[in-house]
N, C-alpha and C. Protein backbone atom coordinates (compact mmCIF):
# COMPACT_ATOMS: atom_id res chain seq x y z
N ARG A 1 142.59 77.36 117.61
CA ARG A 1 141.48 78.29 117.82
C ARG A 1 140.85 78.04 119.20
N VAL A 2 140.57 76.81 119.55
CA VAL A 2 140.02 76.49 120.86
C VAL A 2 141.05 76.80 121.95
N LYS A 3 142.31 76.49 121.68
CA LYS A 3 143.36 76.75 122.66
C LYS A 3 143.44 78.25 122.95
N ASP A 4 143.28 79.06 121.92
CA ASP A 4 143.32 80.51 122.11
C ASP A 4 142.13 80.99 122.97
N SER A 5 140.96 80.40 122.71
CA SER A 5 139.78 80.79 123.49
C SER A 5 139.92 80.39 124.96
N VAL A 6 140.47 79.19 125.18
CA VAL A 6 140.68 78.73 126.56
C VAL A 6 141.72 79.61 127.25
N ALA A 7 142.79 79.94 126.54
CA ALA A 7 143.83 80.81 127.11
C ALA A 7 143.25 82.16 127.47
N ASP A 8 142.42 82.69 126.59
CA ASP A 8 141.77 83.98 126.85
C ASP A 8 140.85 83.89 128.08
N PHE A 9 140.06 82.85 128.16
CA PHE A 9 139.16 82.62 129.28
C PHE A 9 139.94 82.53 130.59
N CYS A 10 141.10 81.88 130.54
CA CYS A 10 141.92 81.66 131.74
C CYS A 10 142.82 82.84 132.06
N GLY A 11 142.88 83.79 131.14
CA GLY A 11 143.73 84.95 131.37
C GLY A 11 145.22 84.69 131.20
N THR A 12 145.55 83.71 130.34
CA THR A 12 146.92 83.38 130.06
C THR A 12 147.24 83.64 128.59
N ASP A 13 148.53 83.72 128.29
CA ASP A 13 148.95 83.96 126.90
C ASP A 13 148.81 82.73 126.06
N THR A 14 149.12 81.57 126.62
CA THR A 14 149.08 80.32 125.88
C THR A 14 148.35 79.28 126.70
N TYR A 15 147.80 78.29 126.02
CA TYR A 15 147.10 77.20 126.67
C TYR A 15 148.08 76.13 127.11
N VAL A 16 147.93 75.68 128.32
CA VAL A 16 148.65 74.54 128.86
C VAL A 16 147.62 73.56 129.37
N PRO A 17 147.75 72.24 129.04
CA PRO A 17 146.75 71.28 129.54
C PRO A 17 146.54 71.43 131.03
N GLY A 18 145.30 71.47 131.44
CA GLY A 18 144.95 71.63 132.86
C GLY A 18 144.55 73.06 133.22
N ASP A 19 144.84 74.02 132.34
CA ASP A 19 144.50 75.42 132.61
C ASP A 19 143.00 75.61 132.81
N LEU A 20 142.19 74.98 131.96
CA LEU A 20 140.75 75.15 132.06
C LEU A 20 140.20 74.61 133.38
N SER A 21 140.67 73.43 133.73
CA SER A 21 140.20 72.83 135.00
C SER A 21 140.57 73.69 136.19
N LYS A 22 141.80 74.20 136.20
CA LYS A 22 142.25 75.07 137.30
C LYS A 22 141.45 76.34 137.37
N GLU A 23 141.16 76.92 136.22
CA GLU A 23 140.40 78.18 136.19
C GLU A 23 138.96 77.96 136.66
N LEU A 24 138.35 76.86 136.20
CA LEU A 24 136.98 76.57 136.62
C LEU A 24 136.92 76.30 138.13
N THR A 25 137.91 75.60 138.67
CA THR A 25 137.97 75.34 140.11
C THR A 25 138.11 76.65 140.88
N LYS A 26 138.99 77.50 140.39
CA LYS A 26 139.21 78.79 141.06
C LYS A 26 137.92 79.64 141.05
N ARG A 27 137.24 79.69 139.89
CA ARG A 27 136.02 80.51 139.79
C ARG A 27 134.88 79.90 140.61
N THR A 28 134.79 78.60 140.63
CA THR A 28 133.74 77.96 141.43
C THR A 28 133.97 78.24 142.92
N LYS A 29 135.17 78.07 143.37
CA LYS A 29 135.48 78.33 144.79
C LYS A 29 135.19 79.77 145.14
N SER A 30 135.60 80.69 144.27
CA SER A 30 135.37 82.10 144.51
C SER A 30 133.87 82.41 144.60
N GLY A 31 133.08 81.82 143.70
CA GLY A 31 131.63 82.01 143.74
C GLY A 31 130.98 81.47 145.00
N ILE A 32 131.44 80.32 145.43
CA ILE A 32 130.89 79.72 146.66
C ILE A 32 131.21 80.57 147.87
N LEU A 33 132.45 81.04 147.95
CA LEU A 33 132.84 81.88 149.09
C LEU A 33 132.08 83.19 149.09
N LYS A 34 131.85 83.74 147.90
CA LYS A 34 131.09 84.97 147.81
C LYS A 34 129.63 84.75 148.25
N TYR A 35 129.04 83.62 147.79
CA TYR A 35 127.65 83.29 148.14
C TYR A 35 127.49 83.07 149.64
N THR A 36 128.43 82.32 150.24
CA THR A 36 128.28 82.00 151.67
C THR A 36 128.79 83.11 152.56
N GLY A 37 129.62 84.01 152.03
CA GLY A 37 130.17 85.08 152.84
C GLY A 37 131.26 84.62 153.79
N LYS A 38 131.85 83.48 153.50
CA LYS A 38 132.89 82.92 154.37
C LYS A 38 134.25 83.00 153.68
N ASP A 39 135.30 82.79 154.48
CA ASP A 39 136.66 82.79 153.94
C ASP A 39 137.12 81.42 153.48
N SER A 40 136.43 80.38 153.91
CA SER A 40 136.76 79.01 153.48
C SER A 40 135.46 78.22 153.40
N TYR A 41 135.52 77.13 152.62
CA TYR A 41 134.36 76.30 152.40
C TYR A 41 134.40 75.06 153.26
N GLN A 42 133.25 74.74 153.84
CA GLN A 42 133.11 73.51 154.60
C GLN A 42 131.85 72.82 154.06
N PHE A 43 131.88 71.51 153.94
CA PHE A 43 130.74 70.77 153.40
C PHE A 43 129.47 71.18 154.14
N GLY A 44 128.44 71.52 153.40
CA GLY A 44 127.16 71.91 153.96
C GLY A 44 126.92 73.41 153.99
N ASP A 45 127.96 74.20 153.71
CA ASP A 45 127.82 75.66 153.74
C ASP A 45 126.77 76.18 152.77
N ILE A 46 126.73 75.62 151.56
CA ILE A 46 125.79 76.09 150.54
C ILE A 46 124.37 75.77 150.99
N THR A 47 124.15 74.57 151.48
CA THR A 47 122.80 74.19 151.96
C THR A 47 122.38 75.06 153.14
N ALA A 48 123.30 75.29 154.08
CA ALA A 48 122.98 76.12 155.25
C ALA A 48 122.58 77.53 154.79
N LYS A 49 123.32 78.08 153.86
CA LYS A 49 123.01 79.43 153.38
C LYS A 49 121.68 79.46 152.66
N ALA A 50 121.41 78.45 151.83
CA ALA A 50 120.13 78.39 151.13
C ALA A 50 118.94 78.31 152.08
N ILE A 51 119.10 77.49 153.12
CA ILE A 51 118.01 77.35 154.11
C ILE A 51 117.83 78.66 154.86
N LYS A 52 118.94 79.30 155.22
CA LYS A 52 118.86 80.58 155.92
C LYS A 52 118.15 81.63 155.04
N ASN A 53 118.49 81.66 153.75
CA ASN A 53 117.85 82.59 152.84
C ASN A 53 116.36 82.31 152.71
N TYR A 54 116.00 81.02 152.65
CA TYR A 54 114.61 80.63 152.46
C TYR A 54 113.77 80.88 153.70
N THR A 55 114.28 80.50 154.86
CA THR A 55 113.48 80.63 156.08
C THR A 55 113.58 82.02 156.72
N GLY A 56 114.70 82.71 156.43
CA GLY A 56 114.90 84.02 157.06
C GLY A 56 115.43 83.90 158.49
N LYS A 57 115.82 82.71 158.91
CA LYS A 57 116.30 82.47 160.26
C LYS A 57 117.79 82.18 160.23
N ASP A 58 118.52 82.66 161.21
CA ASP A 58 119.95 82.39 161.30
C ASP A 58 120.26 81.00 161.79
N ASP A 59 119.44 80.47 162.67
CA ASP A 59 119.65 79.15 163.24
C ASP A 59 118.54 78.23 162.80
N TYR A 60 118.90 77.15 162.14
CA TYR A 60 117.91 76.16 161.65
C TYR A 60 117.48 75.28 162.78
N GLN A 61 116.18 75.03 162.86
CA GLN A 61 115.61 74.06 163.75
C GLN A 61 114.73 73.12 162.92
N PHE A 62 114.67 71.86 163.33
CA PHE A 62 113.91 70.89 162.61
C PHE A 62 112.47 71.41 162.40
N GLY A 63 112.00 71.37 161.18
CA GLY A 63 110.64 71.83 160.87
C GLY A 63 110.55 73.21 160.31
N ASP A 64 111.65 73.98 160.31
CA ASP A 64 111.62 75.36 159.81
C ASP A 64 111.25 75.43 158.33
N VAL A 65 111.81 74.53 157.53
CA VAL A 65 111.52 74.56 156.09
C VAL A 65 110.06 74.21 155.86
N THR A 66 109.56 73.21 156.55
CA THR A 66 108.16 72.80 156.39
C THR A 66 107.22 73.93 156.82
N LYS A 67 107.52 74.57 157.93
CA LYS A 67 106.68 75.68 158.40
C LYS A 67 106.67 76.81 157.39
N LYS A 68 107.81 77.14 156.85
CA LYS A 68 107.89 78.21 155.88
C LYS A 68 107.14 77.83 154.61
N LEU A 69 107.30 76.61 154.13
CA LEU A 69 106.62 76.15 152.95
C LEU A 69 105.09 76.15 153.14
N MET A 70 104.67 75.64 154.25
CA MET A 70 103.22 75.60 154.53
C MET A 70 102.66 77.02 154.66
N GLY A 71 103.43 77.89 155.30
CA GLY A 71 103.00 79.27 155.41
C GLY A 71 102.86 79.92 154.04
N ASN A 72 103.78 79.66 153.16
CA ASN A 72 103.72 80.21 151.82
C ASN A 72 102.55 79.64 151.03
N LEU A 73 102.31 78.35 151.19
CA LEU A 73 101.23 77.71 150.43
C LEU A 73 99.85 78.15 150.91
N PHE A 74 99.68 78.34 152.19
CA PHE A 74 98.35 78.60 152.71
C PHE A 74 98.12 80.03 153.21
N SER A 75 99.06 80.92 152.96
CA SER A 75 98.90 82.30 153.44
C SER A 75 98.03 83.14 152.51
N GLY A 76 97.81 82.64 151.29
CA GLY A 76 97.02 83.41 150.34
C GLY A 76 97.82 84.44 149.55
N LYS A 77 99.09 84.53 149.85
CA LYS A 77 99.98 85.44 149.12
C LYS A 77 100.62 84.71 147.94
N LYS A 78 100.66 85.37 146.80
CA LYS A 78 101.23 84.72 145.61
C LYS A 78 102.75 84.69 145.65
N ASP A 79 103.41 85.67 146.27
CA ASP A 79 104.88 85.72 146.25
C ASP A 79 105.48 85.14 147.54
N GLY A 80 104.65 84.68 148.47
CA GLY A 80 105.16 84.10 149.71
C GLY A 80 105.55 85.10 150.75
N LYS A 81 105.36 86.40 150.48
CA LYS A 81 105.71 87.43 151.46
C LYS A 81 104.45 87.85 152.20
N LYS A 82 104.67 88.22 153.44
CA LYS A 82 103.53 88.64 154.27
C LYS A 82 103.29 90.11 154.12
């Protein structure tokens, strides 16, 4: 029963040991590439994308996160938007 569920999840007819790990790796990689908008993954890509999304800046400079955080905390806006 579990083997059938794993095979279905993996898109295969039968379960072979290692199928689940391979499928999870494939889906994780696909999700990361979709999130970062890149064709390949390099260490730090997820963090760089998250910082870019948070600060709204393409190029990170030391202090950008702190400035954004302080601006959100002390701007008087509840959602952090100006």
